[in-house]
Amino acid sequence: MKRGIVLLFVGLLALTVRAQDKSAKIEFKSETIDYGEIAKGSDGVRVFEFTNTGDAPLVISDVKSSCGCTIPKKPDAPILPGKTGEIQVKYDTNRVGPIRKAITVTSNAATPTKVLKIKGTVLSEDSK
């Protein structure tokens, strides 16, 4: 009886360890996008590309910006292992001056929170 319980315990432990081995991992091509110097009113859309380098589907549950002038868009579907995805970011280029914003990505990856950055300068019409 004791031997059966020990074998059952060891079997469950092995299954638990095996299940924990599988996890999603998110690896960004770049964690910072530099807009450089751009004209007021120009296209403010940029894309952060990433790959799921883990061995479980990656689910991005939330993407938030540090201010309302930056609108991020996350993928709706899970990203399978080895596949790529993108997070689109749209900055309001009608705001003249320096760009220094953070985008926080929340997912089921081994590192569940990742902070991405955008930077640059929006030039006024006078400085063209």
N, C-alpha and C. Protein backbone atom coordinates (compact mmCIF):
# COMPACT_ATOMS: atom_id res chain seq x y z
N MET A 1 0.81 -1.18 0.00
CA MET A 1 0.00 0.00 0.00
C MET A 1 0.87 1.27 0.00
N LYS A 2 1.87 1.29 0.91
CA LYS A 2 2.75 2.45 0.97
C LYS A 2 3.51 2.61 -0.34
N ARG A 3 3.93 1.48 -0.91
CA ARG A 3 4.67 1.52 -2.16
C ARG A 3 3.82 2.12 -3.27
N GLY A 4 2.53 1.79 -3.31
CA GLY A 4 1.61 2.33 -4.31
C GLY A 4 1.45 3.83 -4.17
N ILE A 5 1.34 4.29 -2.94
CA ILE A 5 1.20 5.73 -2.70
C ILE A 5 2.47 6.46 -3.12
N VAL A 6 3.62 5.89 -2.81
CA VAL A 6 4.89 6.52 -3.19
C VAL A 6 5.00 6.58 -4.71
N LEU A 7 4.65 5.51 -5.41
CA LEU A 7 4.72 5.51 -6.88
C LEU A 7 3.75 6.54 -7.47
N LEU A 8 2.56 6.63 -6.91
CA LEU A 8 1.59 7.61 -7.36
C LEU A 8 2.13 9.04 -7.15
N PHE A 9 2.71 9.30 -6.01
CA PHE A 9 3.29 10.61 -5.70
C PHE A 9 4.42 10.96 -6.68
N VAL A 10 5.31 10.02 -6.92
CA VAL A 10 6.43 10.24 -7.85
C VAL A 10 5.91 10.49 -9.26
N GLY A 11 4.90 9.75 -9.67
CA GLY A 11 4.30 9.95 -11.00
C GLY A 11 3.69 11.32 -11.14
N LEU A 12 2.94 11.77 -10.15
CA LEU A 12 2.35 13.11 -10.19
C LEU A 12 3.41 14.20 -10.18
N LEU A 13 4.46 13.99 -9.42
CA LEU A 13 5.57 14.95 -9.39
C LEU A 13 6.22 15.06 -10.76
N ALA A 14 6.43 13.94 -11.42
CA ALA A 14 7.04 13.95 -12.76
C ALA A 14 6.15 14.67 -13.76
N LEU A 15 4.84 14.47 -13.69
CA LEU A 15 3.92 15.17 -14.59
C LEU A 15 3.93 16.66 -14.34
N THR A 16 3.99 17.06 -13.09
CA THR A 16 4.02 18.48 -12.73
C THR A 16 5.28 19.14 -13.27
N VAL A 17 6.42 18.50 -13.11
CA VAL A 17 7.68 19.04 -13.61
C VAL A 17 7.64 19.15 -15.12
N ARG A 18 7.11 18.15 -15.81
CA ARG A 18 7.03 18.17 -17.26
C ARG A 18 6.12 19.31 -17.73
N ALA A 19 4.99 19.52 -17.06
CA ALA A 19 4.06 20.58 -17.43
C ALA A 19 4.69 21.95 -17.23
N GLN A 20 5.52 22.10 -16.21
CA GLN A 20 6.16 23.39 -15.95
C GLN A 20 7.26 23.70 -16.95
N ASP A 21 7.78 22.71 -17.63
CA ASP A 21 8.83 22.93 -18.62
C ASP A 21 8.32 23.71 -19.82
N LYS A 22 7.04 23.57 -20.13
CA LYS A 22 6.48 24.24 -21.30
C LYS A 22 6.03 25.64 -20.91
N SER A 23 6.59 26.62 -21.57
CA SER A 23 6.17 28.00 -21.33
C SER A 23 6.42 28.83 -22.58
N ALA A 24 5.65 29.89 -22.69
CA ALA A 24 5.84 30.84 -23.78
C ALA A 24 6.98 31.79 -23.41
N LYS A 25 7.68 32.24 -24.42
CA LYS A 25 8.74 33.23 -24.22
C LYS A 25 8.62 34.26 -25.33
N ILE A 26 8.65 35.53 -24.95
CA ILE A 26 8.51 36.60 -25.94
C ILE A 26 9.86 37.27 -26.13
N GLU A 27 10.27 37.35 -27.39
CA GLU A 27 11.55 37.99 -27.73
C GLU A 27 11.30 39.03 -28.80
N PHE A 28 11.54 40.31 -28.45
CA PHE A 28 11.30 41.40 -29.38
C PHE A 28 12.53 41.62 -30.26
N LYS A 29 12.26 41.97 -31.52
CA LYS A 29 13.34 42.31 -32.45
C LYS A 29 14.08 43.54 -31.91
N SER A 30 13.31 44.49 -31.37
CA SER A 30 13.86 45.68 -30.72
C SER A 30 12.86 46.12 -29.66
N GLU A 31 13.35 46.53 -28.50
CA GLU A 31 12.46 46.98 -27.43
C GLU A 31 12.30 48.50 -27.42
N THR A 32 12.98 49.19 -28.34
CA THR A 32 12.85 50.64 -28.48
C THR A 32 12.70 51.00 -29.95
N ILE A 33 11.74 51.86 -30.24
CA ILE A 33 11.59 52.39 -31.60
C ILE A 33 11.93 53.87 -31.54
N ASP A 34 12.86 54.26 -32.40
CA ASP A 34 13.27 55.66 -32.49
C ASP A 34 12.62 56.28 -33.72
N TYR A 35 11.69 57.19 -33.50
CA TYR A 35 11.03 57.89 -34.60
C TYR A 35 12.00 58.85 -35.29
N GLY A 36 13.06 59.22 -34.59
CA GLY A 36 13.97 60.24 -35.12
C GLY A 36 13.26 61.58 -35.10
N GLU A 37 13.58 62.43 -36.07
CA GLU A 37 12.89 63.71 -36.21
C GLU A 37 11.83 63.55 -37.28
N ILE A 38 10.57 63.77 -36.90
CA ILE A 38 9.47 63.63 -37.86
C ILE A 38 8.64 64.90 -37.88
N ALA A 39 7.98 65.14 -39.00
CA ALA A 39 7.18 66.35 -39.17
C ALA A 39 5.84 66.24 -38.44
N LYS A 40 5.36 67.36 -37.98
CA LYS A 40 4.04 67.42 -37.35
C LYS A 40 3.00 66.88 -38.33
N GLY A 41 2.11 66.03 -37.83
CA GLY A 41 1.04 65.49 -38.67
C GLY A 41 1.43 64.30 -39.54
N SER A 42 2.68 63.85 -39.45
CA SER A 42 3.11 62.71 -40.28
C SER A 42 2.61 61.40 -39.67
N ASP A 43 2.83 60.31 -40.37
CA ASP A 43 2.35 59.00 -39.94
C ASP A 43 3.06 58.59 -38.65
N GLY A 44 2.28 58.36 -37.59
CA GLY A 44 2.84 58.01 -36.29
C GLY A 44 2.77 56.53 -35.97
N VAL A 45 2.44 55.70 -36.96
CA VAL A 45 2.30 54.26 -36.71
C VAL A 45 3.65 53.56 -36.85
N ARG A 46 3.99 52.78 -35.84
CA ARG A 46 5.20 51.96 -35.85
C ARG A 46 4.83 50.57 -35.33
N VAL A 47 5.71 49.58 -35.56
CA VAL A 47 5.41 48.20 -35.19
C VAL A 47 6.58 47.58 -34.42
N PHE A 48 6.26 46.98 -33.28
CA PHE A 48 7.21 46.17 -32.53
C PHE A 48 7.00 44.72 -32.97
N GLU A 49 8.03 44.11 -33.55
CA GLU A 49 7.93 42.71 -33.97
C GLU A 49 8.51 41.81 -32.89
N PHE A 50 7.88 40.65 -32.69
CA PHE A 50 8.36 39.71 -31.68
C PHE A 50 8.18 38.28 -32.17
N THR A 51 8.88 37.36 -31.49
CA THR A 51 8.78 35.93 -31.77
C THR A 51 8.51 35.20 -30.47
N ASN A 52 7.67 34.18 -30.54
CA ASN A 52 7.46 33.30 -29.40
C ASN A 52 8.55 32.24 -29.46
N THR A 53 9.59 32.39 -28.65
CA THR A 53 10.72 31.45 -28.65
C THR A 53 10.52 30.33 -27.64
N GLY A 54 9.35 30.28 -27.02
CA GLY A 54 9.04 29.21 -26.06
C GLY A 54 8.44 28.00 -26.74
N ASP A 55 7.89 27.11 -25.94
CA ASP A 55 7.29 25.90 -26.49
C ASP A 55 5.82 25.75 -26.09
N ALA A 56 5.17 26.88 -25.79
CA ALA A 56 3.74 26.93 -25.51
C ALA A 56 3.17 28.17 -26.21
N PRO A 57 1.88 28.17 -26.53
CA PRO A 57 1.29 29.35 -27.17
C PRO A 57 1.43 30.59 -26.29
N LEU A 58 1.74 31.72 -26.92
CA LEU A 58 1.90 33.00 -26.24
C LEU A 58 0.59 33.79 -26.36
N VAL A 59 0.05 34.21 -25.22
CA VAL A 59 -1.18 35.00 -25.21
C VAL A 59 -0.85 36.36 -24.61
N ILE A 60 -1.02 37.41 -25.42
CA ILE A 60 -0.82 38.77 -24.92
C ILE A 60 -2.17 39.24 -24.40
N SER A 61 -2.26 39.43 -23.10
CA SER A 61 -3.53 39.76 -22.47
C SER A 61 -3.80 41.26 -22.42
N ASP A 62 -2.74 42.09 -22.40
CA ASP A 62 -2.96 43.53 -22.30
C ASP A 62 -1.75 44.29 -22.81
N VAL A 63 -2.00 45.43 -23.42
CA VAL A 63 -0.95 46.36 -23.85
C VAL A 63 -1.43 47.75 -23.49
N LYS A 64 -0.66 48.46 -22.66
CA LYS A 64 -1.05 49.80 -22.21
C LYS A 64 0.07 50.79 -22.48
N SER A 65 -0.35 52.02 -22.75
CA SER A 65 0.58 53.11 -22.99
C SER A 65 0.68 53.98 -21.75
N SER A 66 1.79 54.72 -21.65
CA SER A 66 1.98 55.61 -20.50
C SER A 66 1.17 56.90 -20.63
N CYS A 67 0.55 57.13 -21.81
CA CYS A 67 -0.31 58.32 -21.96
C CYS A 67 -1.29 58.11 -23.10
N GLY A 68 -2.31 58.96 -23.15
CA GLY A 68 -3.34 58.84 -24.17
C GLY A 68 -2.91 59.24 -25.57
N CYS A 69 -1.73 59.81 -25.71
CA CYS A 69 -1.24 60.23 -27.03
C CYS A 69 -0.66 59.05 -27.82
N THR A 70 -0.54 57.89 -27.17
CA THR A 70 0.01 56.70 -27.82
C THR A 70 -1.02 55.58 -27.69
N ILE A 71 -1.43 55.04 -28.84
CA ILE A 71 -2.45 53.99 -28.84
C ILE A 71 -1.83 52.68 -29.33
N PRO A 72 -1.67 51.69 -28.43
CA PRO A 72 -1.13 50.40 -28.83
C PRO A 72 -2.25 49.44 -29.25
N LYS A 73 -1.90 48.50 -30.11
CA LYS A 73 -2.85 47.48 -30.56
C LYS A 73 -2.16 46.12 -30.47
N LYS A 74 -2.77 45.20 -29.72
CA LYS A 74 -2.20 43.88 -29.50
C LYS A 74 -2.79 42.86 -30.46
N PRO A 75 -2.10 41.73 -30.67
CA PRO A 75 -2.68 40.67 -31.48
C PRO A 75 -3.83 39.99 -30.71
N ASP A 76 -4.87 39.60 -31.43
CA ASP A 76 -6.03 38.97 -30.80
C ASP A 76 -5.82 37.48 -30.56
N ALA A 77 -5.16 36.81 -31.47
CA ALA A 77 -4.98 35.36 -31.39
C ALA A 77 -3.68 35.00 -30.68
N PRO A 78 -3.62 33.82 -30.08
CA PRO A 78 -2.35 33.35 -29.49
C PRO A 78 -1.28 33.19 -30.58
N ILE A 79 -0.03 33.41 -30.20
CA ILE A 79 1.10 33.24 -31.10
C ILE A 79 1.72 31.89 -30.78
N LEU A 80 1.72 31.00 -31.74
CA LEU A 80 2.23 29.65 -31.53
C LEU A 80 3.75 29.65 -31.41
N PRO A 81 4.32 28.63 -30.79
CA PRO A 81 5.78 28.53 -30.65
C PRO A 81 6.48 28.65 -32.02
N GLY A 82 7.52 29.48 -32.06
CA GLY A 82 8.29 29.68 -33.29
C GLY A 82 7.70 30.70 -34.24
N LYS A 83 6.49 31.16 -33.98
CA LYS A 83 5.83 32.12 -34.87
C LYS A 83 6.08 33.55 -34.41
N THR A 84 5.84 34.49 -35.32
CA THR A 84 6.05 35.90 -35.01
C THR A 84 4.72 36.64 -34.91
N GLY A 85 4.76 37.77 -34.26
CA GLY A 85 3.59 38.63 -34.13
C GLY A 85 4.05 40.07 -34.05
N GLU A 86 3.09 40.97 -33.93
CA GLU A 86 3.46 42.38 -33.83
C GLU A 86 2.49 43.15 -32.95
N ILE A 87 3.05 44.18 -32.34
CA ILE A 87 2.26 45.13 -31.56
C ILE A 87 2.39 46.47 -32.27
N GLN A 88 1.26 46.98 -32.71
CA GLN A 88 1.24 48.24 -33.43
C GLN A 88 1.07 49.39 -32.43
N VAL A 89 1.82 50.47 -32.65
CA VAL A 89 1.76 51.64 -31.79
C VAL A 89 1.53 52.86 -32.68
N LYS A 90 0.53 53.67 -32.30
CA LYS A 90 0.25 54.89 -33.05
C LYS A 90 0.43 56.09 -32.13
N TYR A 91 1.39 56.95 -32.47
CA TYR A 91 1.65 58.16 -31.69
C TYR A 91 0.98 59.34 -32.37
N ASP A 92 0.39 60.24 -31.60
CA ASP A 92 -0.27 61.44 -32.12
C ASP A 92 0.80 62.46 -32.50
N THR A 93 1.12 62.52 -33.78
CA THR A 93 2.20 63.41 -34.25
C THR A 93 1.75 64.86 -34.40
N ASN A 94 0.55 65.20 -33.95
CA ASN A 94 0.14 66.61 -33.92
C ASN A 94 0.66 67.29 -32.67
N ARG A 95 1.29 66.54 -31.78
CA ARG A 95 1.90 67.08 -30.56
C ARG A 95 3.38 67.35 -30.86
N VAL A 96 3.75 68.59 -30.90
CA VAL A 96 5.12 68.99 -31.22
C VAL A 96 6.01 68.84 -29.99
N GLY A 97 7.23 68.35 -30.22
CA GLY A 97 8.19 68.23 -29.13
C GLY A 97 8.74 66.82 -29.02
N PRO A 98 9.46 66.55 -27.93
CA PRO A 98 10.09 65.24 -27.77
C PRO A 98 9.07 64.14 -27.48
N ILE A 99 9.39 62.93 -27.96
CA ILE A 99 8.58 61.73 -27.70
C ILE A 99 9.39 60.86 -26.75
N ARG A 100 8.84 60.54 -25.62
CA ARG A 100 9.44 59.61 -24.65
C ARG A 100 8.29 58.88 -23.98
N LYS A 101 7.88 57.75 -24.52
CA LYS A 101 6.72 57.03 -23.99
C LYS A 101 7.07 55.56 -23.77
N ALA A 102 6.33 54.96 -22.82
CA ALA A 102 6.50 53.54 -22.51
C ALA A 102 5.22 52.79 -22.84
N ILE A 103 5.37 51.57 -23.32
CA ILE A 103 4.25 50.68 -23.61
C ILE A 103 4.48 49.41 -22.80
N THR A 104 3.54 49.06 -21.93
CA THR A 104 3.67 47.89 -21.07
C THR A 104 2.88 46.73 -21.66
N VAL A 105 3.57 45.61 -21.89
CA VAL A 105 2.97 44.42 -22.48
C VAL A 105 2.84 43.36 -21.39
N THR A 106 1.62 42.83 -21.23
CA THR A 106 1.36 41.78 -20.25
C THR A 106 0.96 40.51 -21.00
N SER A 107 1.61 39.38 -20.65
CA SER A 107 1.35 38.13 -21.36
C SER A 107 1.54 36.94 -20.42
N ASN A 108 1.38 35.75 -20.98
CA ASN A 108 1.61 34.52 -20.22
C ASN A 108 3.04 34.01 -20.39
N ALA A 109 3.94 34.85 -20.86
CA ALA A 109 5.34 34.46 -21.08
C ALA A 109 6.05 34.23 -19.76
N ALA A 110 7.20 33.59 -19.84
CA ALA A 110 8.02 33.34 -18.65
C ALA A 110 8.32 34.65 -17.92
N THR A 111 8.53 35.73 -18.67
CA THR A 111 8.63 37.08 -18.11
C THR A 111 7.32 37.76 -18.48
N PRO A 112 6.35 37.81 -17.56
CA PRO A 112 4.99 38.22 -17.93
C PRO A 112 4.80 39.70 -18.27
N THR A 113 5.70 40.57 -17.83
CA THR A 113 5.57 42.00 -18.12
C THR A 113 6.83 42.49 -18.82
N LYS A 114 6.63 43.17 -19.93
CA LYS A 114 7.74 43.73 -20.70
C LYS A 114 7.42 45.18 -20.99
N VAL A 115 8.40 46.07 -20.86
CA VAL A 115 8.19 47.49 -21.15
C VAL A 115 8.95 47.85 -22.43
N LEU A 116 8.20 48.35 -23.40
CA LEU A 116 8.77 48.81 -24.66
C LEU A 116 8.80 50.33 -24.64
N LYS A 117 9.65 50.93 -25.47
CA LYS A 117 9.78 52.38 -25.47
C LYS A 117 9.74 52.94 -26.88
N ILE A 118 9.16 54.14 -27.00
CA ILE A 118 9.27 54.90 -28.24
C ILE A 118 9.91 56.24 -27.89
N LYS A 119 10.68 56.76 -28.84
CA LYS A 119 11.33 58.05 -28.62
C LYS A 119 11.49 58.77 -29.94
N GLY A 120 11.79 60.02 -29.87
CA GLY A 120 11.98 60.82 -31.07
C GLY A 120 11.57 62.25 -30.80
N THR A 121 11.40 63.01 -31.89
CA THR A 121 11.00 64.40 -31.79
C THR A 121 10.06 64.74 -32.94
N VAL A 122 8.93 65.36 -32.59
CA VAL A 122 8.01 65.87 -33.60
C VAL A 122 8.36 67.33 -33.81
N LEU A 123 8.73 67.66 -35.04
CA LEU A 123 9.13 69.03 -35.38
C LEU A 123 7.93 69.89 -35.73
N SER A 124 7.98 71.15 -35.35
CA SER A 124 6.91 72.08 -35.72
C SER A 124 7.03 72.40 -37.20
N GLU A 125 5.98 72.94 -37.76
CA GLU A 125 5.99 73.30 -39.18
C GLU A 125 7.03 74.36 -39.48
N ASP A 126 7.38 75.17 -38.47
CA ASP A 126 8.37 76.24 -38.63
C ASP A 126 9.78 75.70 -38.79
N SER A 127 10.06 74.55 -38.22
CA SER A 127 11.44 74.04 -38.21
C SER A 127 11.75 73.13 -39.40
N LYS A 128 10.87 73.07 -40.39
CA LYS A 128 11.13 72.24 -41.58
C LYS A 128 12.13 72.88 -42.51
